Protein backbone atom coordinates (compact mmCIF):
# COMPACT_ATOMS: atom_id res chain seq x y z
CA MET A 1 -103.73 -95.74 -58.44
CA THR A 2 -104.20 -92.78 -60.19
CA GLU A 3 -107.61 -91.10 -61.92
CA LEU A 4 -106.21 -92.42 -65.72
CA THR A 5 -105.74 -95.50 -64.35
CA ARG A 6 -109.15 -96.35 -63.14
CA ALA A 7 -110.49 -94.66 -66.42
CA LEU A 8 -108.46 -96.95 -68.34
CA GLU A 9 -109.29 -99.88 -66.41
CA ALA A 10 -112.79 -99.00 -66.84
CA CYS A 11 -113.23 -98.94 -70.61
CA ALA A 12 -111.13 -102.21 -70.98
CA VAL A 13 -114.70 -103.54 -69.46
CA VAL A 14 -116.43 -104.65 -72.81
CA GLY A 15 -119.49 -102.55 -73.30
CA THR A 16 -118.94 -99.94 -70.64
CA PHE A 17 -119.09 -96.24 -71.89
CA PRO A 18 -117.32 -94.45 -68.51
CA THR A 19 -117.48 -90.61 -68.96
CA ASP A 20 -117.54 -89.73 -65.87
CA LEU A 21 -114.25 -91.02 -64.96
CA VAL A 22 -112.52 -90.30 -68.30
CA GLY A 23 -113.69 -87.13 -66.88
CA ASP A 24 -112.21 -87.46 -63.77
CA ALA A 25 -108.65 -88.13 -65.38
CA MET A 26 -108.83 -85.67 -67.66
CA ARG A 27 -109.65 -83.10 -65.30
CA ALA A 28 -106.54 -84.56 -63.13
CA MET A 29 -104.06 -84.25 -66.48
CA GLY A 30 -105.55 -81.24 -68.67
CA GLU A 31 -106.03 -81.01 -72.16
CA GLY A 32 -102.65 -80.25 -73.35
CA ASP A 33 -101.60 -82.68 -76.04
CA LEU A 34 -103.67 -85.83 -73.85
CA ALA A 35 -103.35 -88.63 -76.88
CA GLU A 36 -99.48 -88.81 -76.54
CA ARG A 37 -99.64 -88.40 -72.37
CA VAL A 38 -101.88 -90.98 -72.21
CA TYR A 39 -100.74 -93.59 -74.63
CA SER A 40 -97.32 -92.87 -72.78
CA ALA A 41 -98.89 -93.65 -69.80
CA SER A 42 -100.94 -96.87 -70.92
CA GLU A 43 -98.29 -99.19 -71.18
CA GLY A 44 -99.61 -102.71 -70.80
CA MET A 45 -102.85 -101.49 -70.95
CA PRO A 46 -104.44 -102.69 -73.61
CA TRP A 47 -104.75 -100.72 -76.78
CA GLU A 48 -108.91 -101.40 -77.08
CA ALA A 49 -109.03 -99.62 -74.03
CA VAL A 50 -107.05 -97.18 -74.66
CA ALA A 51 -109.46 -96.02 -78.12
CA GLU A 52 -112.29 -96.65 -75.93
CA PHE A 53 -110.56 -94.01 -73.52
CA PHE A 54 -110.09 -91.57 -76.47
CA SER A 55 -114.03 -92.15 -77.66
CA CYS A 56 -114.94 -90.83 -74.63
CA ALA A 57 -112.74 -88.48 -74.23
CA VAL A 58 -113.54 -86.62 -77.96
CA TRP A 59 -116.75 -85.15 -76.41
CA GLN A 60 -115.68 -83.82 -73.36
CA THR A 61 -112.53 -81.10 -73.76
CA SER A 62 -112.95 -78.07 -74.59
CA ASP A 63 -112.20 -78.13 -78.42
CA ASN A 64 -114.51 -81.32 -79.33
CA GLY A 65 -111.60 -83.50 -79.49
CA THR A 66 -110.05 -81.97 -82.13
CA GLN A 67 -106.54 -82.47 -80.70
CA ILE A 68 -107.39 -86.03 -79.68
CA LEU A 69 -108.31 -86.69 -83.39
CA ARG A 70 -105.46 -84.39 -85.09
CA THR A 71 -102.75 -86.65 -83.24
CA THR A 72 -104.64 -89.65 -84.29
CA ASP A 73 -104.67 -88.73 -87.86
CA GLN A 74 -100.70 -88.29 -87.65
CA TRP A 75 -100.39 -92.22 -85.97
CA LEU A 76 -102.24 -93.13 -88.83
CA THR A 77 -100.06 -90.84 -90.98
CA GLU A 78 -96.61 -92.11 -89.72
CA GLY A 79 -97.71 -96.03 -89.46
CA GLN A 80 -94.88 -96.89 -87.91
CA ASP A 81 -96.19 -98.07 -84.50
CA GLU A 82 -98.68 -100.99 -84.66
CA ARG A 83 -100.33 -99.92 -81.15
CA LYS A 84 -101.22 -96.64 -82.10
CA VAL A 85 -102.50 -97.70 -85.24
CA ALA A 86 -104.67 -99.59 -83.58
CA ILE A 87 -105.86 -96.98 -81.32
CA ALA A 88 -106.38 -94.83 -83.96
CA LEU A 89 -108.32 -97.18 -86.13
CA HIS A 90 -110.93 -98.14 -83.29
CA VAL A 91 -111.79 -94.70 -81.66
CA ASP A 92 -115.60 -94.11 -82.52
CA ALA A 93 -114.77 -91.41 -85.04
CA TYR A 94 -113.90 -91.69 -88.65
CA PRO A 95 -110.30 -90.23 -89.17
CA PHE A 96 -109.37 -86.97 -91.38
CA LEU A 97 -111.62 -84.06 -91.63
CA ASP A 98 -111.16 -84.49 -95.47
CA ALA A 99 -112.16 -87.79 -96.99
CA ALA A 100 -110.09 -88.49 -99.51
CA GLU A 101 -107.08 -88.02 -97.51
CA MET A 102 -108.89 -90.81 -95.44
CA GLU A 103 -108.66 -93.21 -98.01
CA GLN A 104 -105.38 -92.42 -99.26
CA VAL A 105 -104.20 -92.86 -95.30
CA LEU A 106 -106.36 -96.13 -94.74
CA ARG A 107 -105.12 -98.05 -98.19
CA GLU A 108 -101.56 -97.22 -97.14
CA THR A 109 -102.14 -98.23 -93.95
CA ALA A 110 -104.13 -101.74 -94.74
CA VAL A 111 -100.84 -102.71 -97.22
CA ARG A 112 -98.36 -102.02 -93.95
CA PHE A 113 -100.29 -103.67 -91.69
CA PRO A 114 -102.74 -106.32 -92.95
CA GLN A 115 -104.57 -106.88 -89.70
CA PHE A 116 -106.19 -104.06 -90.28
CA ALA A 117 -106.96 -104.25 -93.62
CA ALA A 118 -110.87 -105.22 -92.80
CA LYS A 119 -111.28 -102.07 -90.51
CA CYS A 120 -109.83 -99.81 -93.24
CA ALA A 121 -111.86 -101.10 -96.04
CA ASP A 122 -115.17 -100.83 -93.75
CA MET A 123 -114.16 -97.26 -92.59
CA ILE A 124 -113.14 -96.66 -96.31
CA LYS A 125 -117.02 -97.98 -98.01
CA GLY A 126 -118.50 -96.46 -94.31
CA ARG A 127 -117.57 -92.98 -95.89
CA GLY A 128 -118.86 -93.58 -98.97
CA GLY A 129 -115.67 -94.40 -100.78
CA ARG A 130 -114.26 -97.37 -102.58
CA SER A 131 -113.46 -100.16 -100.10
């Protein structure tokens, strides 16, 4: 079992925040293009586990999660892959540096993926936008 598999399995357990296992996985993998590589390697794992992994990882990367968050922002902007959108919406950080851009993209996401409309509205409202 790889470090990433152990970390993702631990992340799949509700209420855990396995920063030590996520850190081990990141050291084994390296930080370069981490979000895309974790996504590709996580096929068959619940999207919630991947979102939790990223929520832990953003606090442990040398760039304070910038690369992970820009990748998940891109997933939202592209809006093509439901699993990527689900992960991006559930990382424990607001997407996009610019609140207006976030609001625009999340409104489009809510139309494209109605199952996430409430989450999008909550994020917009939580950041001071109109929900």
